[in-house]
């Protein structure tokens, strides 16, 4: 019976506002969820999903323990919503940035910049997204896998477009491998990035990441 409830859980998940803003009274429900999710991301990033508890999240959010369950079902639903919101915001930011140019090289550069900018501004969420990907189960896992594939597809098409712009060609496996390598470089960013040391170097970091993958494509 419990398994059936979990499998149906995503159907009843409340809508998450992708952008924080001043909310009207009838939007407080979403605002409270947003606050809980941000607090949970910080806790998961520090302790890991497996070791963190709902009480830890409540303490970080400075709300009562029972109040968590008023808004959200359980710890796995919280992880799912953190992951879903991160992918939705990554896609929205990338699409917004890429709309600024039709040039294949510039579009790839803008995609890399948007990904790393989001990462720098949401270190806890990105750490959770990368490190806890295998902690979800059932429909939660399936939905996040779908979002991940959609986001990866955007990157792959950009790499293929840039290669064609340089009169190069990528077969399906080459495009998949290069996409995975690029995300590997960008997603493990949190393991070495220190805001106090590296924030002033953010533009250089983004440029070096672009040159790394662009150089690989140019040498083919």
C-alpha atoms as a PDB file:
ATOM      1  CA  UNK A   1       0.000   0.000   0.000  1.00  0.00           C
ATOM      2  CA  UNK A   2       2.828   2.430   0.899  1.00  0.00           C
ATOM      3  CA  UNK A   3       4.530   1.699  -2.425  1.00  0.00           C
ATOM      4  CA  UNK A   4       1.360   2.579  -4.324  1.00  0.00           C
ATOM      5  CA  UNK A   5       1.130   5.903  -2.510  1.00  0.00           C
ATOM      6  CA  UNK A   6       4.745   6.719  -3.379  1.00  0.00           C
ATOM      7  CA  UNK A   7       4.260   5.818  -7.030  1.00  0.00           C
ATOM      8  CA  UNK A   8       1.377   8.273  -7.301  1.00  0.00           C
ATOM      9  CA  UNK A   9       3.131  11.037  -5.363  1.00  0.00           C
ATOM     10  CA  UNK A  10       4.300  13.287  -8.240  1.00  0.00           C
ATOM     11  CA  UNK A  11       0.716  13.671  -9.436  1.00  0.00           C
ATOM     12  CA  UNK A  12      -0.119  15.634  -6.310  1.00  0.00           C
ATOM     13  CA  UNK A  13       3.031  17.759  -6.066  1.00  0.00           C
ATOM     14  CA  UNK A  14       2.252  21.498  -5.739  1.00  0.00           C
ATOM     15  CA  UNK A  15       3.513  23.886  -8.386  1.00  0.00           C
ATOM     16  CA  UNK A  16       6.867  25.493  -7.605  1.00  0.00           C
ATOM     17  CA  UNK A  17       7.529  29.096  -8.595  1.00  0.00           C
ATOM     18  CA  UNK A  18      10.826  29.111 -10.540  1.00  0.00           C
ATOM     19  CA  UNK A  19      11.696  32.694  -9.689  1.00  0.00           C
ATOM     20  CA  UNK A  20      11.565  34.233  -6.238  1.00  0.00           C
ATOM     21  CA  UNK A  21       9.475  37.424  -6.009  1.00  0.00           C
ATOM     22  CA  UNK A  22       7.075  39.287  -3.726  1.00  0.00           C
ATOM     23  CA  UNK A  23       4.045  37.070  -3.325  1.00  0.00           C
ATOM     24  CA  UNK A  24       0.378  37.759  -2.769  1.00  0.00           C
ATOM     25  CA  UNK A  25      -1.383  36.124   0.208  1.00  0.00           C
ATOM     26  CA  UNK A  26      -2.818  33.322  -1.915  1.00  0.00           C
ATOM     27  CA  UNK A  27       0.731  32.407  -3.044  1.00  0.00           C
ATOM     28  CA  UNK A  28       2.170  31.893   0.444  1.00  0.00           C
ATOM     29  CA  UNK A  29       1.859  28.122   0.096  1.00  0.00           C
ATOM     30  CA  UNK A  30       4.389  28.117  -2.738  1.00  0.00           C
ATOM     31  CA  UNK A  31       6.620  30.609  -0.907  1.00  0.00           C
ATOM     32  CA  UNK A  32       6.734  28.353   2.160  1.00  0.00           C
ATOM     33  CA  UNK A  33       7.638  25.350   0.022  1.00  0.00           C
ATOM     34  CA  UNK A  34      10.393  27.365  -1.640  1.00  0.00           C
ATOM     35  CA  UNK A  35      11.816  28.251   1.781  1.00  0.00           C
ATOM     36  CA  UNK A  36      11.718  24.611   2.892  1.00  0.00           C
ATOM     37  CA  UNK A  37      13.380  23.413  -0.317  1.00  0.00           C
ATOM     38  CA  UNK A  38      16.219  25.901  -0.027  1.00  0.00           C
ATOM     39  CA  UNK A  39      16.778  24.914   3.588  1.00  0.00           C
ATOM     40  CA  UNK A  40      16.657  21.226   2.672  1.00  0.00           C
ATOM     41  CA  UNK A  41      19.202  21.734  -0.110  1.00  0.00           C
ATOM     42  CA  UNK A  42      21.605  23.279   2.394  1.00  0.00           C
ATOM     43  CA  UNK A  43      21.109  20.361   4.792  1.00  0.00           C
ATOM     44  CA  UNK A  44      21.458  17.690   2.095  1.00  0.00           C
ATOM     45  CA  UNK A  45      24.584  19.389   0.759  1.00  0.00           C
ATOM     46  CA  UNK A  46      26.157  19.379   4.205  1.00  0.00           C
ATOM     47  CA  UNK A  47      25.039  16.002   5.561  1.00  0.00           C
ATOM     48  CA  UNK A  48      23.937  14.049   2.435  1.00  0.00           C
ATOM     49  CA  UNK A  49      20.400  12.899   1.702  1.00  0.00           C
ATOM     50  CA  UNK A  50      20.863   9.611   3.544  1.00  0.00           C
ATOM     51  CA  UNK A  51      22.102  11.127   6.805  1.00  0.00           C
ATOM     52  CA  UNK A  52      19.856  14.200   6.907  1.00  0.00           C
ATOM     53  CA  UNK A  53      16.506  14.075   8.698  1.00  0.00           C
ATOM     54  CA  UNK A  54      13.263  16.004   8.481  1.00  0.00           C
ATOM     55  CA  UNK A  55      14.097  17.436  11.912  1.00  0.00           C
ATOM     56  CA  UNK A  56      17.395  18.770  10.514  1.00  0.00           C
ATOM     57  CA  UNK A  57      15.495  20.469   7.685  1.00  0.00           C
ATOM     58  CA  UNK A  58      12.948  21.954  10.088  1.00  0.00           C
ATOM     59  CA  UNK A  59      15.739  23.306  12.281  1.00  0.00           C
ATOM     60  CA  UNK A  60      17.507  24.878   9.301  1.00  0.00           C
ATOM     61  CA  UNK A  61      14.237  26.395   8.039  1.00  0.00           C
ATOM     62  CA  UNK A  62      13.385  27.559  11.582  1.00  0.00           C
ATOM     63  CA  UNK A  63       9.918  26.057  11.475  1.00  0.00           C
ATOM     64  CA  UNK A  64       8.277  23.408  13.614  1.00  0.00           C
ATOM     65  CA  UNK A  65       8.894  19.763  12.753  1.00  0.00           C
ATOM     66  CA  UNK A  66       5.192  18.914  12.108  1.00  0.00           C
ATOM     67  CA  UNK A  67       4.825  21.916   9.801  1.00  0.00           C
ATOM     68  CA  UNK A  68       7.099  20.268   7.213  1.00  0.00           C
ATOM     69  CA  UNK A  69       4.465  17.561   6.754  1.00  0.00           C
ATOM     70  CA  UNK A  70       1.761  20.171   6.229  1.00  0.00           C
ATOM     71  CA  UNK A  71       3.472  21.143   2.968  1.00  0.00           C
ATOM     72  CA  UNK A  72       5.446  18.083   1.887  1.00  0.00           C
ATOM     73  CA  UNK A  73       5.003  14.334   2.099  1.00  0.00           C
ATOM     74  CA  UNK A  74       8.458  13.025   3.001  1.00  0.00           C
ATOM     75  CA  UNK A  75      12.200  13.462   2.538  1.00  0.00           C
ATOM     76  CA  UNK A  76      12.255  11.863  -0.907  1.00  0.00           C
ATOM     77  CA  UNK A  77       9.584  14.228  -2.190  1.00  0.00           C
ATOM     78  CA  UNK A  78      11.729  17.116  -0.958  1.00  0.00           C
ATOM     79  CA  UNK A  79      14.747  15.798  -2.864  1.00  0.00           C
ATOM     80  CA  UNK A  80      12.618  15.313  -5.963  1.00  0.00           C
ATOM     81  CA  UNK A  81      11.334  18.891  -5.844  1.00  0.00           C
ATOM     82  CA  UNK A  82      14.829  20.315  -5.313  1.00  0.00           C
ATOM     83  CA  UNK A  83      16.045  18.384  -8.356  1.00  0.00           C
ATOM     84  CA  UNK A  84      13.050  19.239 -10.517  1.00  0.00           C
ATOM     85  CA  UNK A  85      13.247  22.928  -9.720  1.00  0.00           C
ATOM     86  CA  UNK A  86      16.988  22.987 -10.482  1.00  0.00           C
ATOM     87  CA  UNK A  87      16.490  21.451 -13.929  1.00  0.00           C
ATOM     88  CA  UNK A  88      13.558  23.741 -14.735  1.00  0.00           C
ATOM     89  CA  UNK A  89      15.587  26.795 -13.804  1.00  0.00           C
ATOM     90  CA  UNK A  90      18.649  25.577 -15.709  1.00  0.00           C
ATOM     91  CA  UNK A  91      16.584  25.070 -18.865  1.00  0.00           C
ATOM     92  CA  UNK A  92      14.816  28.422 -18.511  1.00  0.00           C
ATOM     93  CA  UNK A  93      18.098  30.282 -17.965  1.00  0.00           C
ATOM     94  CA  UNK A  94      19.808  28.530 -20.877  1.00  0.00           C
ATOM     95  CA  UNK A  95      16.946  29.217 -23.272  1.00  0.00           C
ATOM     96  CA  UNK A  96      16.816  32.852 -22.215  1.00  0.00           C
ATOM     97  CA  UNK A  97      20.546  33.312 -22.744  1.00  0.00           C
ATOM     98  CA  UNK A  98      20.707  31.428 -26.059  1.00  0.00           C
ATOM     99  CA  UNK A  99      17.886  33.546 -27.473  1.00  0.00           C
ATOM    100  CA  UNK A 100      20.380  36.410 -27.534  1.00  0.00           C
ATOM    101  CA  UNK A 101      22.292  34.980 -30.504  1.00  0.00           C
ATOM    102  CA  UNK A 102      21.975  32.836 -33.631  1.00  0.00           C
ATOM    103  CA  UNK A 103      25.712  32.237 -33.889  1.00  0.00           C
ATOM    104  CA  UNK A 104      26.562  28.565 -33.036  1.00  0.00           C
ATOM    105  CA  UNK A 105      29.780  29.496 -31.243  1.00  0.00           C
ATOM    106  CA  UNK A 106      28.168  32.205 -29.162  1.00  0.00           C
ATOM    107  CA  UNK A 107      25.189  29.993 -28.307  1.00  0.00           C
ATOM    108  CA  UNK A 108      27.501  27.290 -26.951  1.00  0.00           C
ATOM    109  CA  UNK A 109      29.404  29.887 -24.974  1.00  0.00           C
ATOM    110  CA  UNK A 110      26.147  31.289 -23.559  1.00  0.00           C
ATOM    111  CA  UNK A 111      24.961  27.823 -22.561  1.00  0.00           C
ATOM    112  CA  UNK A 112      28.166  27.144 -20.644  1.00  0.00           C
ATOM    113  CA  UNK A 113      27.963  30.570 -19.027  1.00  0.00           C
ATOM    114  CA  UNK A 114      24.336  30.111 -17.963  1.00  0.00           C
ATOM    115  CA  UNK A 115      25.065  26.681 -16.456  1.00  0.00           C
ATOM    116  CA  UNK A 116      28.061  27.891 -14.466  1.00  0.00           C
ATOM    117  CA  UNK A 117      26.318  31.086 -13.374  1.00  0.00           C
ATOM    118  CA  UNK A 118      23.461  29.020 -11.983  1.00  0.00           C
ATOM    119  CA  UNK A 119      25.966  26.708 -10.320  1.00  0.00           C
ATOM    120  CA  UNK A 120      27.819  29.589  -8.671  1.00  0.00           C
ATOM    121  CA  UNK A 121      24.567  31.080  -7.371  1.00  0.00           C
ATOM    122  CA  UNK A 122      23.099  27.765  -6.192  1.00  0.00           C
ATOM    123  CA  UNK A 123      26.012  25.720  -4.903  1.00  0.00           C
ATOM    124  CA  UNK A 124      23.935  23.668  -2.448  1.00  0.00           C
ATOM    125  CA  UNK A 125      21.265  22.799  -5.011  1.00  0.00           C
ATOM    126  CA  UNK A 126      23.837  21.791  -7.632  1.00  0.00           C
ATOM    127  CA  UNK A 127      25.776  19.711  -5.125  1.00  0.00           C
ATOM    128  CA  UNK A 128      22.579  17.865  -4.261  1.00  0.00           C
ATOM    129  CA  UNK A 129      21.588  17.496  -7.918  1.00  0.00           C
ATOM    130  CA  UNK A 130      24.935  15.933  -8.830  1.00  0.00           C
ATOM    131  CA  UNK A 131      25.613  13.892  -5.714  1.00  0.00           C
ATOM    132  CA  UNK A 132      22.150  12.553  -4.895  1.00  0.00           C
ATOM    133  CA  UNK A 133      20.950  11.617  -8.386  1.00  0.00           C
ATOM    134  CA  UNK A 134      20.675   7.924  -7.497  1.00  0.00           C
ATOM    135  CA  UNK A 135      18.739   8.446  -4.264  1.00  0.00           C
ATOM    136  CA  UNK A 136      15.360   8.863  -5.950  1.00  0.00           C
ATOM    137  CA  UNK A 137      13.121   5.921  -6.812  1.00  0.00           C
ATOM    138  CA  UNK A 138       9.991   5.154  -8.823  1.00  0.00           C
ATOM    139  CA  UNK A 139       8.304   7.977 -10.667  1.00  0.00           C
ATOM    140  CA  UNK A 140      10.459  10.527  -8.905  1.00  0.00           C
ATOM    141  CA  UNK A 141      13.576   8.996 -10.474  1.00  0.00           C
ATOM    142  CA  UNK A 142      11.900   8.589 -13.862  1.00  0.00           C
ATOM    143  CA  UNK A 143      10.816  12.221 -14.033  1.00  0.00           C
ATOM    144  CA  UNK A 144      14.250  13.563 -13.071  1.00  0.00           C
ATOM    145  CA  UNK A 145      15.874  11.256 -15.611  1.00  0.00           C
ATOM    146  CA  UNK A 146      13.551  12.691 -18.262  1.00  0.00           C
ATOM    147  CA  UNK A 147      14.452  16.276 -17.335  1.00  0.00           C
ATOM    148  CA  UNK A 148      18.148  15.416 -17.306  1.00  0.00           C
ATOM    149  CA  UNK A 149      17.901  13.944 -20.807  1.00  0.00           C
ATOM    150  CA  UNK A 150      16.066  17.001 -22.105  1.00  0.00           C
ATOM    151  CA  UNK A 151      18.720  19.310 -20.712  1.00  0.00           C
ATOM    152  CA  UNK A 152      21.532  17.119 -22.044  1.00  0.00           C
ATOM    153  CA  UNK A 153      19.859  17.106 -25.456  1.00  0.00           C
ATOM    154  CA  UNK A 154      20.074  20.909 -25.564  1.00  0.00           C
ATOM    155  CA  UNK A 155      23.811  20.715 -24.891  1.00  0.00           C
ATOM    156  CA  UNK A 156      24.380  17.958 -27.442  1.00  0.00           C
ATOM    157  CA  UNK A 157      22.640  19.913 -30.181  1.00  0.00           C
ATOM    158  CA  UNK A 158      24.746  22.955 -29.385  1.00  0.00           C
ATOM    159  CA  UNK A 159      27.926  20.885 -29.679  1.00  0.00           C
ATOM    160  CA  UNK A 160      26.748  19.436 -32.985  1.00  0.00           C
ATOM    161  CA  UNK A 161      25.875  22.928 -34.243  1.00  0.00           C
ATOM    162  CA  UNK A 162      29.260  24.294 -33.271  1.00  0.00           C
ATOM    163  CA  UNK A 163      31.051  21.363 -34.914  1.00  0.00           C
ATOM    164  CA  UNK A 164      29.096  21.912 -38.138  1.00  0.00           C
ATOM    165  CA  UNK A 165      29.934  25.621 -37.951  1.00  0.00           C
ATOM    166  CA  UNK A 166      33.606  24.590 -37.918  1.00  0.00           C
ATOM    167  CA  UNK A 167      33.056  22.187 -40.833  1.00  0.00           C
ATOM    168  CA  UNK A 168      33.437  19.214 -38.516  1.00  0.00           C
ATOM    169  CA  UNK A 169      31.072  16.321 -37.983  1.00  0.00           C
ATOM    170  CA  UNK A 170      30.104  14.383 -34.881  1.00  0.00           C
ATOM    171  CA  UNK A 171      28.486  10.987 -34.933  1.00  0.00           C
ATOM    172  CA  UNK A 172      25.974  10.068 -32.267  1.00  0.00           C
ATOM    173  CA  UNK A 173      28.500   8.472 -29.914  1.00  0.00           C
ATOM    174  CA  UNK A 174      31.009  11.293 -30.268  1.00  0.00           C
ATOM    175  CA  UNK A 175      28.310  13.825 -29.437  1.00  0.00           C
ATOM    176  CA  UNK A 176      27.213  11.789 -26.415  1.00  0.00           C
ATOM    177  CA  UNK A 177      30.756  11.419 -25.087  1.00  0.00           C
ATOM    178  CA  UNK A 178      31.613  15.109 -25.534  1.00  0.00           C
ATOM    179  CA  UNK A 179      28.344  16.137 -23.885  1.00  0.00           C
ATOM    180  CA  UNK A 180      29.115  13.902 -20.904  1.00  0.00           C
ATOM    181  CA  UNK A 181      32.661  15.242 -20.662  1.00  0.00           C
ATOM    182  CA  UNK A 182      31.453  18.846 -20.709  1.00  0.00           C
ATOM    183  CA  UNK A 183      28.886  18.224 -17.994  1.00  0.00           C
ATOM    184  CA  UNK A 184      31.504  16.326 -16.018  1.00  0.00           C
ATOM    185  CA  UNK A 185      33.717  19.405 -16.034  1.00  0.00           C
ATOM    186  CA  UNK A 186      30.871  21.772 -15.167  1.00  0.00           C
ATOM    187  CA  UNK A 187      28.975  19.676 -12.618  1.00  0.00           C
ATOM    188  CA  UNK A 188      31.942  18.819 -10.399  1.00  0.00           C
ATOM    189  CA  UNK A 189      32.682  22.504 -10.206  1.00  0.00           C
ATOM    190  CA  UNK A 190      31.463  22.558  -6.582  1.00  0.00           C
ATOM    191  CA  UNK A 191      34.355  20.328  -5.442  1.00  0.00           C
ATOM    192  CA  UNK A 192      36.935  23.062  -5.946  1.00  0.00           C
ATOM    193  CA  UNK A 193      35.086  26.370  -6.313  1.00  0.00           C
ATOM    194  CA  UNK A 194      35.542  28.710  -3.335  1.00  0.00           C
ATOM    195  CA  UNK A 195      33.550  31.956  -3.632  1.00  0.00           C
ATOM    196  CA  UNK A 196      36.010  33.967  -1.571  1.00  0.00           C
ATOM    197  CA  UNK A 197      38.852  32.963  -3.879  1.00  0.00           C
ATOM    198  CA  UNK A 198      37.209  32.308  -7.233  1.00  0.00           C
ATOM    199  CA  UNK A 199      34.253  34.686  -7.537  1.00  0.00           C
ATOM    200  CA  UNK A 200      36.356  37.399  -9.159  1.00  0.00           C
ATOM    201  CA  UNK A 201      37.614  34.800 -11.642  1.00  0.00           C
ATOM    202  CA  UNK A 202      34.141  33.639 -12.715  1.00  0.00           C
ATOM    203  CA  UNK A 203      34.371  35.045 -16.248  1.00  0.00           C
ATOM    204  CA  UNK A 204      37.770  33.453 -16.760  1.00  0.00           C
ATOM    205  CA  UNK A 205      36.449  30.126 -15.478  1.00  0.00           C
ATOM    206  CA  UNK A 206      33.558  30.234 -17.953  1.00  0.00           C
ATOM    207  CA  UNK A 207      35.863  31.183 -20.829  1.00  0.00           C
ATOM    208  CA  UNK A 208      38.319  28.404 -20.015  1.00  0.00           C
ATOM    209  CA  UNK A 209      35.523  25.855 -19.925  1.00  0.00           C
ATOM    210  CA  UNK A 210      34.358  27.000 -23.354  1.00  0.00           C
ATOM    211  CA  UNK A 211      37.889  26.936 -24.770  1.00  0.00           C
ATOM    212  CA  UNK A 212      38.413  23.434 -23.404  1.00  0.00           C
ATOM    213  CA  UNK A 213      35.464  21.940 -25.304  1.00  0.00           C
ATOM    214  CA  UNK A 214      35.769  24.252 -28.351  1.00  0.00           C
ATOM    215  CA  UNK A 215      39.430  23.320 -28.722  1.00  0.00           C
ATOM    216  CA  UNK A 216      38.565  19.634 -28.663  1.00  0.00           C
ATOM    217  CA  UNK A 217      35.963  20.115 -31.396  1.00  0.00           C
ATOM    218  CA  UNK A 218      38.264  22.283 -33.514  1.00  0.00           C
ATOM    219  CA  UNK A 219      41.025  19.663 -33.518  1.00  0.00           C
ATOM    220  CA  UNK A 220      38.830  16.881 -34.886  1.00  0.00           C
END
